[in-house]
């Protein structure tokens, strides 16, 4: 019975990290926006800021 030696700390950390990643992915689907949506929203906001600044009247 010479099984392969396993470091239990590494195993626990690996399992914990996988669980956290899975949980984060679930939350991203529930609550988050995709990166493309965030980029699109940022671009739209910048464009509206530029338009407003361009139409600003000086006193």
N, C-alpha and C. Protein backbone atom coordinates (compact mmCIF):
# COMPACT_ATOMS: atom_id res chain seq x y z
N UNK A 1 0.81 -1.18 0.00
CA UNK A 1 0.00 0.00 0.00
C UNK A 1 0.86 1.25 0.00
N UNK A 2 1.48 1.52 -1.08
CA UNK A 2 2.28 2.74 -1.15
C UNK A 2 1.57 3.73 -2.06
N UNK A 3 0.65 4.47 -1.45
CA UNK A 3 -0.07 5.49 -2.19
C UNK A 3 0.79 6.74 -2.33
N UNK A 4 0.33 7.61 -3.17
CA UNK A 4 1.07 8.86 -3.38
C UNK A 4 0.87 9.78 -2.18
N UNK A 5 1.92 10.42 -1.77
CA UNK A 5 1.87 11.33 -0.62
C UNK A 5 1.21 12.63 -1.06
N UNK A 6 0.26 13.09 -0.25
CA UNK A 6 -0.50 14.30 -0.58
C UNK A 6 -0.36 15.29 0.56
N UNK A 7 -0.08 16.53 0.22
CA UNK A 7 -0.02 17.59 1.22
C UNK A 7 -1.45 18.09 1.45
N UNK A 8 -1.99 17.83 2.63
CA UNK A 8 -3.38 18.17 2.90
C UNK A 8 -3.64 19.68 2.89
N UNK A 9 -2.66 20.47 3.29
CA UNK A 9 -2.85 21.93 3.26
C UNK A 9 -3.05 22.42 1.83
N UNK A 10 -2.25 21.90 0.90
CA UNK A 10 -2.40 22.29 -0.50
C UNK A 10 -3.75 21.85 -1.03
N UNK A 11 -4.17 20.65 -0.65
CA UNK A 11 -5.46 20.14 -1.09
C UNK A 11 -6.59 21.02 -0.57
N UNK A 12 -6.53 21.40 0.70
CA UNK A 12 -7.58 22.25 1.28
C UNK A 12 -7.61 23.62 0.61
N UNK A 13 -6.43 24.20 0.37
CA UNK A 13 -6.37 25.51 -0.27
C UNK A 13 -6.93 25.44 -1.69
N UNK A 14 -6.59 24.39 -2.40
CA UNK A 14 -7.07 24.23 -3.77
C UNK A 14 -8.59 24.09 -3.79
N UNK A 15 -9.13 23.29 -2.88
CA UNK A 15 -10.58 23.09 -2.79
C UNK A 15 -11.26 24.40 -2.41
N UNK A 16 -10.68 25.14 -1.45
CA UNK A 16 -11.26 26.40 -1.01
C UNK A 16 -11.27 27.43 -2.15
N UNK A 17 -10.18 27.48 -2.89
CA UNK A 17 -10.09 28.43 -4.00
C UNK A 17 -11.11 28.09 -5.08
N UNK A 18 -11.28 26.82 -5.37
CA UNK A 18 -12.26 26.40 -6.38
C UNK A 18 -13.67 26.77 -5.93
N UNK A 19 -13.96 26.60 -4.66
CA UNK A 19 -15.28 26.95 -4.14
C UNK A 19 -15.52 28.46 -4.21
N UNK A 20 -14.52 29.25 -3.87
CA UNK A 20 -14.66 30.71 -3.94
C UNK A 20 -14.84 31.16 -5.38
N UNK A 21 -14.12 30.56 -6.30
CA UNK A 21 -14.26 30.91 -7.71
C UNK A 21 -15.65 30.58 -8.21
N UNK A 22 -16.16 29.41 -7.83
CA UNK A 22 -17.51 29.01 -8.23
C UNK A 22 -18.54 29.99 -7.67
N UNK A 23 -18.38 30.36 -6.42
CA UNK A 23 -19.30 31.31 -5.78
C UNK A 23 -19.23 32.68 -6.46
N UNK A 24 -18.03 33.11 -6.81
CA UNK A 24 -17.87 34.40 -7.48
C UNK A 24 -18.52 34.38 -8.85
N UNK A 25 -18.38 33.27 -9.57
CA UNK A 25 -19.01 33.15 -10.88
C UNK A 25 -20.54 33.20 -10.77
N UNK A 26 -21.08 32.54 -9.76
CA UNK A 26 -22.53 32.58 -9.56
C UNK A 26 -22.99 33.99 -9.26
N UNK A 27 -22.26 34.71 -8.43
CA UNK A 27 -22.63 36.09 -8.10
C UNK A 27 -22.51 37.01 -9.31
N UNK A 28 -21.52 36.77 -10.14
CA UNK A 28 -21.36 37.59 -11.34
C UNK A 28 -22.55 37.41 -12.27
N UNK A 29 -23.05 36.20 -12.36
CA UNK A 29 -24.21 35.95 -13.20
C UNK A 29 -25.45 36.60 -12.60
N UNK A 30 -25.59 36.52 -11.29
CA UNK A 30 -26.77 37.09 -10.64
C UNK A 30 -26.79 38.61 -10.69
N UNK A 31 -25.67 39.22 -10.32
CA UNK A 31 -25.67 40.65 -10.06
C UNK A 31 -24.86 41.50 -11.03
N UNK A 32 -23.89 40.92 -11.68
CA UNK A 32 -22.92 41.73 -12.40
C UNK A 32 -23.24 41.98 -13.85
N UNK A 33 -22.38 42.79 -14.43
CA UNK A 33 -22.42 43.07 -15.85
C UNK A 33 -21.21 42.42 -16.48
N UNK A 34 -21.33 42.10 -17.75
CA UNK A 34 -20.17 41.56 -18.43
C UNK A 34 -19.18 42.70 -18.69
N UNK A 35 -17.96 42.35 -19.00
CA UNK A 35 -16.95 43.37 -19.24
C UNK A 35 -17.34 44.23 -20.44
N UNK A 36 -17.92 43.62 -21.45
CA UNK A 36 -18.34 44.38 -22.63
C UNK A 36 -19.41 45.40 -22.26
N UNK A 37 -20.35 45.02 -21.40
CA UNK A 37 -21.39 45.96 -20.97
C UNK A 37 -20.80 47.11 -20.18
N UNK A 38 -19.85 46.82 -19.29
CA UNK A 38 -19.20 47.89 -18.52
C UNK A 38 -18.46 48.85 -19.44
N UNK A 39 -17.72 48.30 -20.40
CA UNK A 39 -16.98 49.15 -21.33
C UNK A 39 -17.93 50.03 -22.14
N UNK A 40 -19.04 49.44 -22.60
CA UNK A 40 -20.02 50.20 -23.37
C UNK A 40 -20.61 51.32 -22.53
N UNK A 41 -20.94 51.05 -21.29
CA UNK A 41 -21.50 52.08 -20.41
C UNK A 41 -20.50 53.19 -20.15
N UNK A 42 -19.22 52.84 -19.98
CA UNK A 42 -18.19 53.87 -19.78
C UNK A 42 -18.05 54.75 -21.01
N UNK A 43 -18.05 54.12 -22.19
CA UNK A 43 -17.93 54.89 -23.43
C UNK A 43 -19.11 55.83 -23.62
N UNK A 44 -20.31 55.35 -23.32
CA UNK A 44 -21.49 56.20 -23.44
C UNK A 44 -21.41 57.38 -22.48
N UNK A 45 -20.95 57.13 -21.25
CA UNK A 45 -20.84 58.21 -20.27
C UNK A 45 -19.81 59.25 -20.71
N UNK A 46 -18.68 58.78 -21.23
CA UNK A 46 -17.67 59.73 -21.71
C UNK A 46 -18.20 60.55 -22.87
N UNK A 47 -18.95 59.91 -23.76
CA UNK A 47 -19.49 60.62 -24.92
C UNK A 47 -20.48 61.69 -24.47
N UNK A 48 -21.37 61.37 -23.53
CA UNK A 48 -22.33 62.37 -23.07
C UNK A 48 -21.63 63.50 -22.34
N UNK A 49 -20.57 63.21 -21.60
CA UNK A 49 -19.80 64.27 -20.94
C UNK A 49 -19.17 65.20 -21.96
N UNK A 50 -18.60 64.63 -23.01
CA UNK A 50 -17.99 65.46 -24.06
C UNK A 50 -19.04 66.32 -24.74
N UNK A 51 -20.21 65.74 -25.01
CA UNK A 51 -21.26 66.50 -25.67
C UNK A 51 -21.73 67.65 -24.78
N UNK A 52 -21.91 67.38 -23.50
CA UNK A 52 -22.35 68.43 -22.59
C UNK A 52 -21.29 69.53 -22.46
N UNK A 53 -20.03 69.12 -22.38
CA UNK A 53 -18.96 70.12 -22.29
C UNK A 53 -18.88 70.95 -23.56
N UNK A 54 -19.14 70.33 -24.69
CA UNK A 54 -19.08 71.04 -25.95
C UNK A 54 -20.21 72.05 -26.11
N UNK A 55 -21.32 71.81 -25.45
CA UNK A 55 -22.48 72.71 -25.56
C UNK A 55 -22.59 73.66 -24.40
N UNK A 56 -21.60 73.69 -23.55
CA UNK A 56 -21.63 74.57 -22.39
C UNK A 56 -21.43 76.02 -22.82
N UNK A 57 -22.16 76.88 -22.22
CA UNK A 57 -22.06 78.31 -22.53
C UNK A 57 -21.14 78.98 -21.53
N UNK A 58 -20.33 79.87 -22.02
CA UNK A 58 -19.44 80.64 -21.14
C UNK A 58 -20.15 81.92 -20.73
N UNK A 59 -19.87 82.36 -19.53
CA UNK A 59 -20.46 83.59 -19.04
C UNK A 59 -19.48 84.71 -19.07
